[in-house]
Amino acid sequence: MVASVSTVAYLGLEARAVEVQCNLVAGLPKFVVVGLPDKAVAESRERVRAAMAAIGLALPPKHIVLNLSPADLPKEGSHFDLPIALALLAAMGVVDAETIAGYVVVGELALDGRIAPSPGVLLAAMHAAEAGKGLVCPVAQGPEASWAGQGDVLAAPDLIGLLNHFKGNQLLPAPVPGEVDPPGAGPDLAQVKGQETAKRALEIAAAGGHNLLFVGPPGAGKSLMAACLPGILPPLEAAEALEVSMVASVAGTLQGGRLTRTRPFRAPHHSASMAALTGGGIKVKPGEVSLAHLGVLFLDELPEFQRAVLDSLRQPLEAGVVSVARASAHVTYPARVQLIAAMNPCRCGHLGDPALACARAPRCAADYQAKVSGPLLDRIDLHVEVQPVTAADLVLPPPAEGSAEVAARVAAARALQTRRYAGTSIRTNAEADGEPLMAFAAPDDAGRKLLAQAAEAMRLSARGYTRVLRVARTIADLAGAEGVGRLHVAEALSYRRQAPRS
């Protein structure tokens, strides 16, 4: 008799159907798992053997063959433990094969029979709902699985509890969706003294989802202003929160099934590798650019990152996805992020101060800024020079406006964009391109003339021209203007990258 149990294999944010087939045949006692299992799946034999012994069952003295179908699809992860165990128990006649046929099963087994959490349960739950099946998962991830919204979810604490449920001896309670975390309390823009130009650029970046670069001396408040950005961004919509949670589920960082409406804010150290930033590794996992999906990726000390690592962001920033190619698989993760970067003008950081600048100025500035490639800088919409903060600035009273007031204007601008791009996949002005951009961001005659002159004088690339239009459209939205005028274009041009000082 061949017993089958449904489970999934993860490929990026896609859960692919896998059938675990178990056959007991006469012969020397042996336990074999086939179907391209990785090391974790191959080791499941010992975990299954120990877990069954913990509930008083022994493996039959037969040749046990477990096939993971389709056999040409690589299988990775410990979540295959529980479906392997249930397929074996069904082949032994301990559990009814027809009963478990209506479920997709995921979960790692401990040696004492407990069912431990494993990454990707939310994806498995959504796959099961689409297939019209229920889901069997670890009890700790029941709240996470419940967010799929459909299907029967069995969240089992251990193997014996699951078997008792299938036999009707002791039913498992239905899990409830995890709680939604309240917004976290971060720094407020009222803490920033001076820097009105930089704060204006931050507001524009938040309103349109634009990339932003702060350039200024140490201690000018660049990192503080970047940390204030989540406090002025609008919360995630329900569909967006689920999308962000799917990435976190695959990465194994979704704790207790708790969803958040706060946009992600990721700030990797400049020693991060390419795999850490864009994804990859032996088992392809999402990187920082995907964990920041629909949120903010903050890169402090930008030139200190390896140049190849920075250049690997060029495709995700343009396409909104990151593709990781391996010999065995080609995985795509979402990466629609807002890049906020900060850097000193030179290595010593005091280029414009004759008293503090190093002896190599201004040559050191050109060498330092050349560490960041031109194509990457061309993808940054707003370039802002942050001035040093003086003692006189620090004794000034707090600004009249804080994050709450700026957030209200950002929310109003985002609401305009939501209505404007309704029925399309575009969320913000930063994503607009082609016909939608030309339809809604085309400036008036005076603005068009100014933009044409500036494009020639500043030698704007086609990408730079497009990004100026996007920023101008956002500036107009903040002003409540129906169309894009000359003033909006002029301000957008003032934020374009300037030639390095020599």
Protein backbone atom coordinates (compact mmCIF):
# COMPACT_ATOMS: atom_id res chain seq x y z
CA MET A 1 0.00 0.00 0.00
CA VAL A 2 1.25 3.47 -0.91
CA ALA A 3 0.15 6.30 1.42
CA SER A 4 0.37 9.95 0.33
CA VAL A 5 0.46 13.26 2.20
CA SER A 6 0.45 16.74 0.64
CA THR A 7 3.05 19.33 1.55
CA VAL A 8 4.93 22.16 -0.18
CA ALA A 9 8.40 23.19 -1.30
CA TYR A 10 9.30 26.87 -1.20
CA LEU A 11 10.78 28.63 -4.21
CA GLY A 12 11.03 32.31 -3.38
CA LEU A 13 7.54 33.44 -2.37
CA GLU A 14 5.98 30.55 -4.25
CA ALA A 15 4.80 27.38 -2.49
CA ARG A 16 4.89 24.45 -4.90
CA ALA A 17 2.85 21.33 -4.28
CA VAL A 18 4.80 18.24 -3.16
CA GLU A 19 3.37 14.78 -2.56
CA VAL A 20 5.07 12.61 0.07
CA GLN A 21 4.57 8.98 -0.93
CA CYS A 22 5.39 6.13 1.47
CA ASN A 23 5.64 2.48 0.53
CA LEU A 24 6.42 -0.48 2.83
CA VAL A 25 7.86 -3.47 0.96
CA ALA A 26 9.32 -6.76 2.08
CA GLY A 27 13.08 -6.84 2.46
CA LEU A 28 15.85 -5.88 4.80
CA PRO A 29 14.82 -3.11 7.22
CA LYS A 30 15.85 0.21 5.75
CA PHE A 31 14.54 3.77 5.68
CA VAL A 32 15.19 5.64 2.39
CA VAL A 33 14.12 9.15 1.37
CA VAL A 34 14.35 9.96 -2.36
CA GLY A 35 13.27 12.90 -4.53
CA LEU A 36 16.19 15.37 -4.36
CA PRO A 37 16.19 15.92 -0.57
CA ASP A 38 18.77 18.25 0.95
CA LYS A 39 20.70 17.43 4.12
CA ALA A 40 17.92 18.63 6.44
CA VAL A 41 15.33 16.46 4.66
CA ALA A 42 17.61 13.42 4.60
CA GLU A 43 18.17 13.77 8.36
CA SER A 44 14.40 13.72 8.95
CA ARG A 45 14.63 9.91 9.06
CA GLU A 46 16.26 10.06 12.48
CA ARG A 47 13.89 12.73 13.81
CA VAL A 48 10.87 10.74 12.61
CA ARG A 49 12.24 7.53 14.11
CA ALA A 50 12.85 9.20 17.50
CA ALA A 51 9.48 11.03 17.51
CA MET A 52 7.60 7.80 16.81
CA ALA A 53 9.52 6.03 19.55
CA ALA A 54 8.53 8.84 21.94
CA ILE A 55 4.82 8.03 21.40
CA GLY A 56 5.37 4.28 21.75
CA LEU A 57 5.61 3.26 18.09
CA ALA A 58 8.45 1.47 16.33
CA LEU A 59 9.27 1.43 12.65
CA PRO A 60 8.05 -1.74 10.91
CA PRO A 61 10.81 -4.25 10.04
CA LYS A 62 10.43 -3.56 6.32
CA HIS A 63 12.06 -1.63 3.52
CA ILE A 64 10.58 1.88 3.88
CA VAL A 65 10.72 4.09 0.80
CA LEU A 66 9.69 7.76 1.00
CA ASN A 67 9.41 9.54 -2.34
CA LEU A 68 9.04 13.33 -2.54
CA SER A 69 7.21 13.98 -5.81
CA PRO A 70 7.92 15.66 -8.20
CA ALA A 71 11.30 14.02 -7.96
CA ASP A 72 13.14 16.65 -10.02
CA LEU A 73 12.21 19.56 -7.71
CA PRO A 74 14.83 20.27 -4.99
CA LYS A 75 13.44 19.82 -1.47
CA GLU A 76 14.90 21.98 1.29
CA GLY A 77 14.02 22.53 4.94
CA SER A 78 12.95 20.72 8.06
CA HIS A 79 9.22 21.29 7.43
CA PHE A 80 9.12 17.92 5.60
CA ASP A 81 9.45 16.04 8.94
CA LEU A 82 5.75 16.02 9.82
CA PRO A 83 4.42 15.05 6.36
CA ILE A 84 6.99 12.22 6.21
CA ALA A 85 5.88 10.99 9.62
CA LEU A 86 2.17 11.13 8.72
CA ALA A 87 2.76 9.35 5.40
CA LEU A 88 4.61 6.59 7.27
CA LEU A 89 1.88 6.35 9.92
CA ALA A 90 -0.77 6.15 7.19
CA ALA A 91 1.14 3.33 5.47
CA MET A 92 1.32 1.53 8.84
CA GLY A 93 -2.45 1.93 9.33
CA VAL A 94 -2.11 4.10 12.45
CA VAL A 95 -3.92 7.05 10.88
CA ASP A 96 -6.59 7.04 8.19
CA ALA A 97 -5.10 7.97 4.79
CA GLU A 98 -8.38 9.53 3.56
CA THR A 99 -8.55 11.81 6.61
CA ILE A 100 -5.14 13.37 6.04
CA ALA A 101 -5.67 13.61 2.26
CA GLY A 102 -7.59 16.85 2.78
CA TYR A 103 -4.66 18.65 4.41
CA VAL A 104 -1.37 20.26 3.46
CA VAL A 105 1.12 19.35 6.18
CA VAL A 106 4.23 21.28 7.33
CA GLY A 107 6.27 21.14 10.52
CA GLU A 108 9.55 20.07 12.08
CA LEU A 109 9.64 17.20 14.57
CA ALA A 110 11.60 17.24 17.81
CA LEU A 111 13.01 14.00 19.19
CA ASP A 112 10.33 13.88 21.92
CA GLY A 113 7.47 14.20 19.40
CA ARG A 114 6.87 17.94 19.70
CA ILE A 115 6.09 19.81 16.48
CA ALA A 116 8.51 22.73 16.17
CA PRO A 117 8.05 25.88 14.04
CA SER A 118 9.48 26.07 10.54
CA PRO A 119 9.75 29.03 8.10
CA GLY A 120 7.14 29.65 5.40
CA VAL A 121 3.91 28.55 7.11
CA LEU A 122 1.98 31.59 5.85
CA LEU A 123 2.84 30.66 2.26
CA ALA A 124 1.79 27.07 2.89
CA ALA A 125 -1.52 28.27 4.36
CA MET A 126 -2.25 30.43 1.31
CA HIS A 127 -1.35 27.53 -0.99
CA ALA A 128 -3.66 25.22 0.95
CA ALA A 129 -6.50 27.75 0.77
CA GLU A 130 -6.09 28.04 -3.01
CA ALA A 131 -6.11 24.24 -3.30
CA GLY A 132 -9.26 23.95 -1.17
CA LYS A 133 -7.48 22.00 1.56
CA GLY A 134 -6.84 22.46 5.25
CA LEU A 135 -3.44 22.97 6.85
CA VAL A 136 -1.60 21.07 9.57
CA CYS A 137 1.13 23.17 11.17
CA PRO A 138 2.96 23.72 14.49
CA VAL A 139 0.86 25.20 17.29
CA ALA A 140 3.21 28.19 17.58
CA GLN A 141 2.43 29.13 13.98
CA GLY A 142 -1.33 28.64 14.09
CA PRO A 143 -1.95 32.41 14.42
CA GLU A 144 0.30 33.01 11.41
CA ALA A 145 -1.51 30.39 9.30
CA SER A 146 -4.90 31.84 10.25
CA TRP A 147 -4.10 35.05 8.38
CA ALA A 148 -4.66 33.15 5.12
CA GLY A 149 -8.35 33.56 5.93
CA GLN A 150 -9.66 30.32 4.44
CA GLY A 151 -9.53 26.60 5.12
CA ASP A 152 -9.30 24.47 8.23
CA VAL A 153 -6.10 25.03 10.25
CA LEU A 154 -4.94 22.34 12.67
CA ALA A 155 -2.21 23.76 14.91
CA ALA A 156 -0.80 20.75 16.75
CA PRO A 157 1.60 20.95 19.73
CA ASP A 158 2.94 17.42 19.26
CA LEU A 159 2.54 14.26 17.23
CA ILE A 160 0.39 12.39 19.77
CA GLY A 161 -2.01 15.35 20.01
CA LEU A 162 -2.38 15.38 16.23
CA LEU A 163 -3.09 11.64 16.12
CA ASN A 164 -5.70 11.98 18.88
CA HIS A 165 -7.40 14.73 16.87
CA PHE A 166 -7.57 12.56 13.74
CA LYS A 167 -9.01 9.66 15.81
CA GLY A 168 -11.56 11.98 17.45
CA ASN A 169 -10.27 11.38 20.98
CA GLN A 170 -9.25 14.98 21.72
CA LEU A 171 -9.97 17.75 19.22
CA LEU A 172 -7.48 20.56 18.75
CA PRO A 173 -8.81 24.11 19.25
CA ALA A 174 -8.97 26.32 16.18
CA PRO A 175 -6.24 28.99 16.20
CA VAL A 176 -7.09 32.66 15.89
CA PRO A 177 -5.18 35.15 13.71
CA GLY A 178 -2.24 36.81 15.41
CA GLU A 179 -2.53 40.31 16.73
CA VAL A 180 -1.58 43.40 14.78
CA ASP A 181 1.30 45.16 16.50
CA PRO A 182 0.76 48.85 17.33
CA PRO A 183 3.03 51.34 15.56
CA GLY A 184 6.45 51.52 17.17
CA ALA A 185 7.60 54.75 18.76
CA GLY A 186 10.60 56.13 16.88
CA PRO A 187 12.38 59.48 16.82
CA ASP A 188 10.33 62.55 16.00
CA LEU A 189 11.25 65.23 13.47
CA ALA A 190 10.83 67.76 16.29
CA GLN A 191 14.17 66.48 17.60
CA VAL A 192 15.96 67.73 14.47
CA LYS A 193 17.29 71.26 14.89
CA GLY A 194 17.65 73.30 11.72
CA GLN A 195 18.10 71.31 8.48
CA GLU A 196 14.94 72.71 6.90
CA THR A 197 16.05 71.82 3.37
CA ALA A 198 16.84 68.25 4.38
CA LYS A 199 13.51 67.87 6.20
CA ARG A 200 11.67 69.20 3.15
CA ALA A 201 13.44 66.61 0.99
CA LEU A 202 12.55 63.90 3.50
CA GLU A 203 8.88 64.91 3.30
CA ILE A 204 8.95 64.77 -0.52
CA ALA A 205 10.65 61.35 -0.40
CA ALA A 206 8.01 60.02 1.99
CA ALA A 207 5.11 61.44 -0.04
CA GLY A 208 6.21 59.89 -3.34
CA GLY A 209 8.29 56.89 -2.25
CA HIS A 210 11.45 58.43 -3.74
CA ASN A 211 15.06 57.46 -3.07
CA LEU A 212 17.07 60.00 -1.08
CA LEU A 213 20.76 60.65 -0.37
CA PHE A 214 22.04 62.85 2.47
CA VAL A 215 25.59 64.18 2.07
CA GLY A 216 27.09 66.05 4.99
CA PRO A 217 29.65 66.14 7.79
CA PRO A 218 29.54 63.84 10.83
CA GLY A 219 26.99 64.77 13.48
CA ALA A 220 24.76 66.80 11.16
CA GLY A 221 21.71 64.60 11.82
CA LYS A 222 21.64 62.42 8.69
CA SER A 223 20.98 59.14 10.54
CA LEU A 224 18.46 60.81 12.86
CA MET A 225 16.40 62.14 9.95
CA ALA A 226 16.48 58.73 8.25
CA ALA A 227 15.25 57.10 11.46
CA CYS A 228 12.36 59.60 11.54
CA LEU A 229 11.10 58.44 8.14
CA PRO A 230 8.96 55.47 9.35
CA GLY A 231 7.10 57.90 11.62
CA ILE A 232 5.86 59.99 8.69
CA LEU A 233 5.10 57.16 6.26
CA PRO A 234 1.47 55.97 6.02
CA PRO A 235 0.76 52.55 7.58
CA LEU A 236 0.62 49.45 5.43
CA GLU A 237 -2.71 48.54 3.88
CA ALA A 238 -4.08 45.10 4.81
CA ALA A 239 -2.94 43.54 1.52
CA GLU A 240 0.48 45.18 1.85
CA ALA A 241 0.87 43.92 5.42
CA LEU A 242 0.16 40.38 4.23
CA GLU A 243 2.68 40.81 1.41
CA VAL A 244 5.38 41.97 3.83
CA SER A 245 4.51 39.15 6.23
CA MET A 246 4.97 36.56 3.48
CA VAL A 247 8.59 37.67 3.07
CA ALA A 248 9.09 37.58 6.83
CA SER A 249 7.51 34.10 6.99
CA VAL A 250 9.94 32.70 4.41
CA ALA A 251 12.83 34.34 6.26
CA GLY A 252 11.60 32.87 9.56
CA THR A 253 11.29 36.25 11.27
CA LEU A 254 7.51 36.34 11.73
CA GLN A 255 7.16 35.78 15.48
CA GLY A 256 3.92 34.49 16.97
CA GLY A 257 1.93 35.24 13.83
CA ARG A 258 1.96 38.92 14.74
CA LEU A 259 1.46 41.23 11.78
CA THR A 260 2.47 44.86 11.74
CA ARG A 261 1.09 47.83 9.85
CA THR A 262 4.36 49.75 10.29
CA ARG A 263 6.52 49.80 7.19
CA PRO A 264 9.79 47.86 7.46
CA PHE A 265 12.96 49.80 8.23
CA ARG A 266 16.17 47.89 7.58
CA ALA A 267 19.62 49.36 8.24
CA PRO A 268 22.34 46.80 7.42
CA HIS A 269 25.93 47.47 8.43
CA HIS A 270 28.34 48.46 5.68
CA SER A 271 30.16 45.13 6.08
CA ALA A 272 27.11 43.30 4.65
CA SER A 273 27.84 40.85 1.83
CA MET A 274 26.03 40.71 -1.49
CA ALA A 275 24.03 37.65 -0.35
CA ALA A 276 23.02 39.46 2.85
CA LEU A 277 21.84 42.51 0.95
CA THR A 278 20.13 41.02 -2.12
CA GLY A 279 19.51 37.42 -0.99
CA GLY A 280 21.13 34.10 -1.71
CA GLY A 281 23.35 31.75 0.23
CA ILE A 282 23.44 27.96 0.15
CA LYS A 283 19.70 27.92 0.91
CA VAL A 284 18.42 30.93 -1.01
CA LYS A 285 16.90 33.31 1.52
CA PRO A 286 15.58 36.86 1.09
CA GLY A 287 18.13 39.60 1.72
CA GLU A 288 17.80 43.02 3.32
CA VAL A 289 16.38 44.58 0.15
CA SER A 290 13.49 42.06 0.25
CA LEU A 291 13.01 42.25 4.02
CA ALA A 292 12.55 46.01 3.50
CA HIS A 293 9.87 45.42 0.82
CA LEU A 294 7.28 48.24 0.85
CA GLY A 295 9.42 49.98 3.44
CA VAL A 296 12.78 51.69 3.85
CA LEU A 297 16.30 50.41 3.23
CA PHE A 298 18.75 52.72 5.00
CA LEU A 299 22.40 52.52 3.99
CA ASP A 300 24.57 54.61 6.28
CA GLU A 301 28.18 55.35 5.32
CA LEU A 302 27.31 54.53 1.70
CA PRO A 303 30.85 54.56 0.21
CA GLU A 304 32.03 52.10 2.88
CA PHE A 305 29.94 49.32 1.33
CA GLN A 306 31.76 47.17 -1.21
CA ARG A 307 31.20 48.59 -4.67
CA ALA A 308 29.97 45.28 -6.10
CA VAL A 309 27.46 45.00 -3.25
CA LEU A 310 26.08 48.47 -3.95
CA ASP A 311 25.88 47.85 -7.68
CA SER A 312 23.84 44.69 -7.03
CA LEU A 313 21.04 47.04 -5.90
CA ARG A 314 20.72 48.67 -9.30
CA GLN A 315 18.33 46.06 -10.73
CA PRO A 316 16.09 45.81 -7.62
CA LEU A 317 15.77 49.60 -7.36
CA GLU A 318 14.65 49.80 -10.99
CA ALA A 319 12.45 46.68 -11.26
CA GLY A 320 11.13 46.29 -7.70
CA VAL A 321 12.18 42.63 -7.61
CA VAL A 322 15.45 40.81 -7.04
CA SER A 323 16.28 37.62 -8.94
CA VAL A 324 18.75 35.16 -7.44
CA ALA A 325 20.02 32.64 -10.00
CA ARG A 326 21.49 29.32 -8.91
CA ALA A 327 22.35 26.20 -10.88
CA SER A 328 19.46 24.33 -9.22
CA ALA A 329 16.87 27.12 -9.01
CA HIS A 330 15.97 30.64 -10.08
CA VAL A 331 14.31 32.51 -7.21
CA THR A 332 12.61 35.90 -7.35
CA TYR A 333 11.75 37.98 -4.27
CA PRO A 334 9.87 41.30 -4.15
CA ALA A 335 12.07 44.32 -3.46
CA ARG A 336 9.98 47.46 -3.88
CA VAL A 337 11.96 49.57 -1.41
CA GLN A 338 12.62 53.22 -0.73
CA LEU A 339 16.39 53.70 -0.52
CA ILE A 340 17.63 56.26 1.99
CA ALA A 341 21.40 56.67 2.04
CA ALA A 342 23.82 58.84 3.96
CA MET A 343 27.48 59.63 3.42
CA ASN A 344 30.21 62.07 4.38
CA PRO A 345 31.52 64.33 1.61
CA CYS A 346 35.00 62.84 2.05
CA ARG A 347 36.80 60.36 4.28
CA CYS A 348 37.55 62.89 7.01
CA GLY A 349 34.04 64.33 6.67
CA HIS A 350 35.00 68.01 6.89
CA LEU A 351 35.48 68.98 3.26
CA GLY A 352 33.97 72.46 3.52
CA ASP A 353 35.68 73.45 6.78
CA PRO A 354 39.23 74.81 6.24
CA ALA A 355 40.03 74.35 9.93
CA LEU A 356 39.10 70.66 10.05
CA ALA A 357 39.58 69.39 6.48
CA CYS A 358 42.47 67.04 5.87
CA ALA A 359 45.55 67.92 3.84
CA ARG A 360 44.31 65.95 0.81
CA ALA A 361 41.20 68.10 0.30
CA PRO A 362 39.61 68.41 -2.20
CA ARG A 363 41.17 65.40 -3.92
CA CYS A 364 40.04 63.11 -1.10
CA ALA A 365 36.41 64.08 -1.81
CA ALA A 366 36.62 62.99 -5.44
CA ASP A 367 38.28 59.70 -4.49
CA TYR A 368 35.78 59.01 -1.71
CA GLN A 369 32.66 59.82 -3.71
CA ALA A 370 33.93 57.80 -6.67
CA LYS A 371 33.42 54.65 -4.59
CA VAL A 372 29.72 54.95 -5.41
CA SER A 373 29.01 54.30 -9.09
CA GLY A 374 27.27 56.86 -11.28
CA PRO A 375 24.49 54.48 -12.37
CA LEU A 376 23.53 53.90 -8.73
CA LEU A 377 23.55 57.62 -7.96
CA ASP A 378 21.40 58.20 -11.06
CA ARG A 379 18.72 56.01 -9.44
CA ILE A 380 18.55 58.30 -6.39
CA ASP A 381 15.93 60.99 -6.96
CA LEU A 382 16.86 63.46 -4.22
CA HIS A 383 20.43 64.52 -3.40
CA VAL A 384 20.66 66.84 -0.40
CA GLU A 385 23.72 68.49 1.10
CA VAL A 386 23.26 68.59 4.87
CA GLN A 387 24.94 71.51 6.59
CA PRO A 388 26.78 71.15 9.93
CA VAL A 389 24.81 71.87 13.08
CA THR A 390 26.25 74.69 15.19
CA ALA A 391 25.93 75.32 18.92
CA ALA A 392 23.56 78.19 18.11
CA ASP A 393 21.27 75.72 16.33
CA LEU A 394 21.21 73.37 19.29
CA VAL A 395 19.96 75.99 21.76
CA LEU A 396 17.05 76.94 19.53
CA PRO A 397 13.56 75.90 20.71
CA PRO A 398 12.04 72.76 19.13
CA PRO A 399 10.53 73.24 15.66
CA ALA A 400 6.86 74.08 15.46
CA GLU A 401 6.25 71.00 13.30
CA GLY A 402 6.97 67.41 14.26
CA SER A 403 6.39 64.06 12.63
CA ALA A 404 2.61 64.18 13.18
CA GLU A 405 2.12 67.33 11.08
CA VAL A 406 4.40 66.11 8.29
CA ALA A 407 2.74 62.68 8.33
CA ALA A 408 -0.66 64.31 7.75
CA ARG A 409 0.59 66.04 4.59
CA VAL A 410 2.28 62.85 3.42
CA ALA A 411 -0.94 60.87 3.96
CA ALA A 412 -2.93 63.42 1.95
CA ALA A 413 -0.43 63.23 -0.93
CA ARG A 414 -0.45 59.43 -0.85
CA ALA A 415 -4.27 59.45 -0.91
CA LEU A 416 -4.15 61.53 -4.10
CA GLN A 417 -1.80 58.99 -5.67
CA THR A 418 -3.99 56.07 -4.63
CA ARG A 419 -6.97 57.62 -6.41
CA ARG A 420 -4.86 58.62 -9.41
CA TYR A 421 -3.44 55.16 -10.04
CA ALA A 422 -6.54 53.17 -9.08
CA GLY A 423 -6.88 50.05 -11.21
CA THR A 424 -3.14 49.80 -11.89
CA SER A 425 -0.24 48.15 -10.06
CA ILE A 426 1.31 51.57 -9.32
CA ARG A 427 1.28 52.56 -5.66
CA THR A 428 3.27 55.82 -5.61
CA ASN A 429 4.68 58.42 -7.99
CA ALA A 430 8.10 56.76 -7.71
CA GLU A 431 6.69 53.71 -9.53
CA ALA A 432 4.95 55.65 -12.32
CA ASP A 433 6.38 55.16 -15.78
CA GLY A 434 5.40 55.30 -19.42
CA GLU A 435 1.89 56.42 -20.25
CA PRO A 436 0.67 56.97 -16.63
CA LEU A 437 3.65 59.23 -15.93
CA MET A 438 3.17 61.26 -19.10
CA ALA A 439 -0.57 61.51 -18.45
CA PHE A 440 -0.31 62.81 -14.89
CA ALA A 441 3.16 64.39 -14.57
CA ALA A 442 3.50 66.31 -17.84
CA PRO A 443 4.38 69.91 -16.84
CA ASP A 444 2.81 73.06 -18.28
CA ASP A 445 4.53 75.02 -21.05
CA ALA A 446 6.76 77.01 -18.69
CA GLY A 447 7.72 73.89 -16.76
CA ARG A 448 8.40 71.96 -19.97
CA LYS A 449 10.68 74.71 -21.25
CA LEU A 450 12.61 74.85 -17.97
CA LEU A 451 12.99 71.06 -17.90
CA ALA A 452 14.27 70.98 -21.48
CA GLN A 453 16.88 73.65 -20.72
CA ALA A 454 17.97 71.92 -17.51
CA ALA A 455 18.16 68.51 -19.17
CA GLU A 456 20.65 69.90 -21.67
CA ALA A 457 22.64 71.97 -19.17
CA MET A 458 22.78 69.21 -16.52
CA ARG A 459 23.12 66.46 -19.13
CA LEU A 460 20.31 64.45 -17.60
CA SER A 461 20.00 60.84 -18.66
CA ALA A 462 16.62 59.47 -19.75
CA ARG A 463 16.30 57.96 -16.29
CA GLY A 464 17.18 61.26 -14.65
CA TYR A 465 14.62 63.10 -16.80
CA THR A 466 11.92 60.62 -15.78
CA ARG A 467 12.81 60.86 -12.11
CA VAL A 468 12.65 64.65 -12.18
CA LEU A 469 9.10 64.38 -13.51
CA ARG A 470 8.17 61.94 -10.73
CA VAL A 471 9.55 64.22 -8.02
CA ALA A 472 7.83 67.25 -9.56
CA ARG A 473 4.53 65.36 -9.53
CA THR A 474 5.01 64.60 -5.82
CA ILE A 475 5.84 68.24 -5.03
CA ALA A 476 2.64 69.25 -6.82
CA ASP A 477 0.68 66.67 -4.79
CA LEU A 478 2.03 68.10 -1.54
CA ALA A 479 0.93 71.54 -2.70
CA GLY A 480 -2.51 70.22 -3.69
CA ALA A 481 -1.96 71.33 -7.30
CA GLU A 482 -3.85 69.66 -10.11
CA GLY A 483 -1.03 69.99 -12.63
CA VAL A 484 2.76 70.24 -12.57
CA GLY A 485 4.04 73.79 -12.93
CA ARG A 486 7.35 75.55 -13.37
CA LEU A 487 7.90 75.96 -9.60
CA HIS A 488 7.43 72.23 -9.02
CA VAL A 489 9.90 71.38 -11.80
CA ALA A 490 12.41 73.93 -10.48
CA GLU A 491 12.35 72.44 -6.98
CA ALA A 492 12.64 68.91 -8.35
CA LEU A 493 15.68 69.95 -10.42
CA SER A 494 17.33 71.47 -7.34
CA TYR A 495 17.51 68.00 -5.81
CA ARG A 496 19.20 66.32 -8.76
CA ARG A 497 22.79 65.17 -8.34
CA GLN A 498 25.33 67.96 -8.63
CA ALA A 499 28.87 67.54 -9.92
CA PRO A 500 31.39 66.82 -7.13
CA ARG A 501 33.23 69.86 -5.86
CA SER A 502 36.82 70.11 -6.97
